[in-house]
C-alpha atoms as a PDB file:
ATOM      1  CA  MET A   1     110.273  99.139 105.788  1.00  0.00           C
ATOM      2  CA  PRO A   2     109.741 100.327 109.359  1.00  0.00           C
ATOM      3  CA  ALA A   3     109.238 104.003 109.966  1.00  0.00           C
ATOM      4  CA  GLN A   4     112.333 105.557 111.463  1.00  0.00           C
ATOM      5  CA  PHE A   5     110.681 107.948 113.869  1.00  0.00           C
ATOM      6  CA  GLY A   6     113.068 110.092 115.875  1.00  0.00           C
ATOM      7  CA  VAL A   7     116.008 109.736 113.514  1.00  0.00           C
ATOM      8  CA  ARG A   8     117.356 113.231 113.055  1.00  0.00           C
ATOM      9  CA  HIS A   9     120.802 112.632 111.590  1.00  0.00           C
ATOM     10  CA  ILE A  10     121.009 112.891 107.816  1.00  0.00           C
ATOM     11  CA  LYS A  11     123.187 109.786 107.289  1.00  0.00           C
ATOM     12  CA  PRO A  12     120.667 107.139 108.528  1.00  0.00           C
ATOM     13  CA  ILE A  13     117.865 108.852 106.627  1.00  0.00           C
ATOM     14  CA  SER A  14     119.850 108.949 103.387  1.00  0.00           C
ATOM     15  CA  ASN A  15     120.868 105.304 103.854  1.00  0.00           C
ATOM     16  CA  ALA A  16     117.216 104.370 104.376  1.00  0.00           C
ATOM     17  CA  LYS A  17     116.243 106.320 101.245  1.00  0.00           C
ATOM     18  CA  LEU A  18     118.874 104.459  99.208  1.00  0.00           C
ATOM     19  CA  ILE A  19     117.681 101.100 100.508  1.00  0.00           C
ATOM     20  CA  GLN A  20     114.037 102.014  99.882  1.00  0.00           C
ATOM     21  CA  ASN A  21     114.731 103.122  96.301  1.00  0.00           C
ATOM     22  CA  ARG A  22     116.852 100.045  95.599  1.00  0.00           C
ATOM     23  CA  GLU A  23     114.139  97.740  96.963  1.00  0.00           C
ATOM     24  CA  LEU A  24     111.448  99.488  94.919  1.00  0.00           C
ATOM     25  CA  ARG A  25     113.502  98.992  91.757  1.00  0.00           C
ATOM     26  CA  ILE A  26     114.035  95.303  92.566  1.00  0.00           C
ATOM     27  CA  ILE A  27     110.358  94.702  93.413  1.00  0.00           C
ATOM     28  CA  THR A  28     109.038  96.465  90.305  1.00  0.00           C
ATOM     29  CA  ASN A  29     111.868  95.256  88.065  1.00  0.00           C
ATOM     30  CA  SER A  30     112.263  98.797  86.748  1.00  0.00           C
ATOM     31  CA  PRO A  31     115.396 100.027  84.967  1.00  0.00           C
ATOM     32  CA  ILE A  32     117.735 102.581  86.498  1.00  0.00           C
ATOM     33  CA  PHE A  33     116.808 105.376  84.076  1.00  0.00           C
ATOM     34  CA  ILE A  34     113.261 105.662  85.502  1.00  0.00           C
ATOM     35  CA  PRO A  35     113.318 108.496  88.071  1.00  0.00           C
ATOM     36  CA  ARG A  36     112.532 107.616  91.662  1.00  0.00           C
ATOM     37  CA  ARG A  37     109.808 110.281  91.767  1.00  0.00           C
ATOM     38  CA  ILE A  38     107.866 108.331  89.133  1.00  0.00           C
ATOM     39  CA  LEU A  39     108.356 105.119  91.113  1.00  0.00           C
ATOM     40  CA  HIS A  40     107.004 106.735  94.273  1.00  0.00           C
ATOM     41  CA  ASP A  41     104.094 108.385  92.452  1.00  0.00           C
ATOM     42  CA  GLU A  42     102.980 105.296  90.527  1.00  0.00           C
ATOM     43  CA  LEU A  43     103.309 102.966  93.508  1.00  0.00           C
ATOM     44  CA  LYS A  44     101.723 105.554  95.852  1.00  0.00           C
ATOM     45  CA  ILE A  45     104.507 105.066  98.394  1.00  0.00           C
ATOM     46  CA  ASP A  46     105.597 107.843 100.725  1.00  0.00           C
ATOM     47  CA  SER A  47     109.274 108.613 100.942  1.00  0.00           C
ATOM     48  CA  ILE A  48     111.159 108.169 104.219  1.00  0.00           C
ATOM     49  CA  PRO A  49     111.152 111.924 105.089  1.00  0.00           C
ATOM     50  CA  GLN A  50     107.426 112.188 104.304  1.00  0.00           C
ATOM     51  CA  THR A  51     106.721 109.228 106.589  1.00  0.00           C
ATOM     52  CA  ILE A  52     108.836 110.738 109.370  1.00  0.00           C
ATOM     53  CA  ARG A  53     107.038 114.083 109.018  1.00  0.00           C
ATOM     54  CA  LYS A  54     103.613 112.444 109.026  1.00  0.00           C
ATOM     55  CA  LEU A  55     104.307 110.251 112.086  1.00  0.00           C
ATOM     56  CA  SER A  56     105.962 113.079 113.977  1.00  0.00           C
ATOM     57  CA  SER A  57     103.084 115.477 113.320  1.00  0.00           C
ATOM     58  CA  SER A  58     100.421 112.991 114.374  1.00  0.00           C
ATOM     59  CA  PHE A  59     102.406 112.073 117.508  1.00  0.00           C
ATOM     60  CA  TYR A  60     102.883 115.671 118.646  1.00  0.00           C
ATOM     61  CA  ASN A  61      99.277 116.570 117.804  1.00  0.00           C
ATOM     62  CA  SER A  62      98.046 113.735 120.015  1.00  0.00           C
ATOM     63  CA  LEU A  63     100.194 114.828 122.985  1.00  0.00           C
ATOM     64  CA  SER A  64      98.166 117.930 123.788  1.00  0.00           C
ATOM     65  CA  ASN A  65      94.994 115.831 124.269  1.00  0.00           C
ATOM     66  CA  HIS A  66      96.598 113.216 126.510  1.00  0.00           C
ATOM     67  CA  PRO A  67      95.085 112.921 130.019  1.00  0.00           C
ATOM     68  CA  ASN A  68      98.461 112.357 131.704  1.00  0.00           C
ATOM     69  CA  PRO A  69      99.987 115.787 132.536  1.00  0.00           C
ATOM     70  CA  THR A  70     103.545 114.460 132.296  1.00  0.00           C
ATOM     71  CA  ILE A  71     102.984 113.292 128.733  1.00  0.00           C
ATOM     72  CA  ASN A  72     100.900 116.361 128.001  1.00  0.00           C
ATOM     73  CA  CYS A  73     103.876 118.700 128.573  1.00  0.00           C
ATOM     74  CA  LEU A  74     106.050 116.870 126.002  1.00  0.00           C
ATOM     75  CA  ASP A  75     104.485 118.728 123.083  1.00  0.00           C
ATOM     76  CA  ARG A  76     106.973 121.576 123.611  1.00  0.00           C
ATOM     77  CA  PRO A  77     110.723 121.455 124.295  1.00  0.00           C
ATOM     78  CA  ILE A  78     111.534 121.868 127.980  1.00  0.00           C
ATOM     79  CA  ASN A  79     115.021 123.389 127.795  1.00  0.00           C
ATOM     80  CA  LEU A  80     116.033 125.318 124.735  1.00  0.00           C
ATOM     81  CA  ASP A  81     119.573 124.147 124.135  1.00  0.00           C
ATOM     82  CA  LEU A  82     120.405 125.266 120.604  1.00  0.00           C
ATOM     83  CA  ARG A  83     123.259 122.759 120.297  1.00  0.00           C
ATOM     84  CA  ARG A  84     120.855 119.817 120.463  1.00  0.00           C
ATOM     85  CA  ASN A  85     118.102 118.812 118.049  1.00  0.00           C
ATOM     86  CA  HIS A  86     114.840 118.256 119.878  1.00  0.00           C
ATOM     87  CA  PRO A  87     112.667 115.263 118.920  1.00  0.00           C
ATOM     88  CA  ASN A  88     109.899 117.495 117.601  1.00  0.00           C
ATOM     89  CA  SER A  89     112.366 118.897 115.055  1.00  0.00           C
ATOM     90  CA  ALA A  90     111.893 115.625 113.146  1.00  0.00           C
ATOM     91  CA  GLN A  91     108.898 117.310 111.542  1.00  0.00           C
ATOM     92  CA  ILE A  92     111.363 119.490 109.633  1.00  0.00           C
ATOM     93  CA  THR A  93     113.187 116.968 107.462  1.00  0.00           C
ATOM     94  CA  PRO A  94     114.793 117.684 104.099  1.00  0.00           C
ATOM     95  CA  ASN A  95     112.599 117.011 101.106  1.00  0.00           C
ATOM     96  CA  LEU A  96     113.332 113.998  98.901  1.00  0.00           C
ATOM     97  CA  PHE A  97     112.802 115.737  95.563  1.00  0.00           C
END
Protein backbone atom coordinates (compact mmCIF):
# COMPACT_ATOMS: atom_id res chain seq x y z
CA MET A 1 0.00 0.00 0.00
CA PRO A 2 1.55 3.34 -0.95
CA ALA A 3 2.35 5.79 1.79
CA GLN A 4 -0.15 8.62 1.83
CA PHE A 5 2.20 11.45 2.65
CA GLY A 6 0.55 14.84 2.99
CA VAL A 7 -2.94 13.53 3.64
CA ARG A 8 -4.22 15.50 6.59
CA HIS A 9 -7.96 14.87 6.47
CA ILE A 10 -9.20 12.12 8.77
CA LYS A 11 -11.56 10.48 6.24
CA PRO A 12 -8.90 9.31 3.70
CA ILE A 13 -6.67 8.10 6.52
CA SER A 14 -9.47 6.12 8.16
CA ASN A 15 -10.46 4.66 4.78
CA ALA A 16 -6.85 3.62 4.19
CA LYS A 17 -6.71 2.04 7.66
CA LEU A 18 -9.87 0.04 6.94
CA ILE A 19 -8.50 -1.16 3.61
CA GLN A 20 -5.14 -2.03 5.17
CA ASN A 21 -6.75 -4.03 7.99
CA ARG A 22 -9.11 -5.81 5.59
CA GLU A 23 -6.21 -6.73 3.29
CA LEU A 24 -4.13 -8.00 6.21
CA ARG A 25 -7.00 -10.25 7.30
CA ILE A 26 -7.43 -11.59 3.76
CA ILE A 27 -3.69 -12.19 3.26
CA THR A 28 -3.22 -13.94 6.61
CA ASN A 29 -6.60 -15.68 6.51
CA SER A 30 -7.21 -14.58 10.10
CA PRO A 31 -10.66 -14.49 11.70
CA ILE A 32 -12.38 -11.25 12.64
CA PHE A 33 -12.05 -11.78 16.40
CA ILE A 34 -8.24 -11.38 16.29
CA PRO A 35 -7.47 -7.74 17.18
CA ARG A 36 -5.75 -5.63 14.55
CA ARG A 37 -3.00 -4.71 17.02
CA ILE A 38 -1.95 -8.37 17.14
CA LEU A 39 -1.99 -8.53 13.34
CA HIS A 40 0.24 -5.48 13.07
CA ASP A 41 2.60 -6.68 15.81
CA GLU A 42 3.01 -10.23 14.50
CA LEU A 43 3.43 -9.15 10.88
CA LYS A 44 5.70 -6.23 11.90
CA ILE A 45 3.72 -3.83 9.72
CA ASP A 46 3.43 -0.15 10.56
CA SER A 47 -0.01 1.38 10.60
CA ILE A 48 -0.93 4.16 8.16
CA PRO A 49 -0.53 6.98 10.76
CA GLN A 50 2.84 5.59 11.89
CA THR A 51 4.03 5.51 8.27
CA ILE A 52 2.83 9.07 7.69
CA ARG A 53 4.59 10.26 10.86
CA LYS A 54 7.82 8.47 9.95
CA LEU A 55 7.91 9.79 6.35
CA SER A 56 6.96 13.29 7.40
CA SER A 57 9.64 13.43 10.10
CA SER A 58 12.39 12.17 7.81
CA PHE A 59 11.32 14.59 5.06
CA TYR A 60 11.32 17.66 7.31
CA ASN A 61 14.58 16.61 8.98
CA SER A 62 16.26 16.41 5.58
CA LEU A 63 15.07 19.90 4.54
CA SER A 64 17.36 21.79 6.89
CA ASN A 65 20.45 20.17 5.31
CA HIS A 66 19.43 20.83 1.71
CA PRO A 67 21.85 23.03 -0.30
CA ASN A 68 19.05 24.87 -2.13
CA PRO A 69 17.95 27.86 0.02
CA THR A 70 14.42 27.80 -1.39
CA ILE A 71 13.92 24.21 -0.29
CA ASN A 72 15.84 24.87 2.91
CA CYS A 73 13.24 27.40 4.12
CA LEU A 74 10.36 24.88 3.78
CA ASP A 75 11.13 23.27 7.13
CA ARG A 76 9.00 25.93 8.86
CA PRO A 77 5.59 27.33 7.90
CA ILE A 78 5.85 30.65 6.07
CA ASN A 79 2.51 32.25 6.98
CA LEU A 80 0.76 31.21 10.14
CA ASP A 81 -2.85 30.96 9.06
CA LEU A 82 -4.58 29.04 11.85
CA ARG A 83 -7.50 28.08 9.60
CA ARG A 84 -5.27 25.93 7.40
CA ASN A 85 -3.33 22.78 8.28
CA HIS A 86 0.28 23.08 7.22
CA PRO A 87 1.98 20.08 5.58
CA ASN A 88 4.36 19.63 8.49
CA SER A 89 1.34 19.06 10.75
CA ALA A 90 1.14 15.58 9.20
CA GLN A 91 3.64 14.54 11.85
CA ILE A 92 0.83 14.91 14.39
CA THR A 93 -1.63 12.23 13.30
CA PRO A 94 -4.07 10.41 15.57
CA ASN A 95 -2.82 7.14 16.97
CA LEU A 96 -4.26 3.87 15.63
CA PHE A 97 -4.61 2.12 18.99
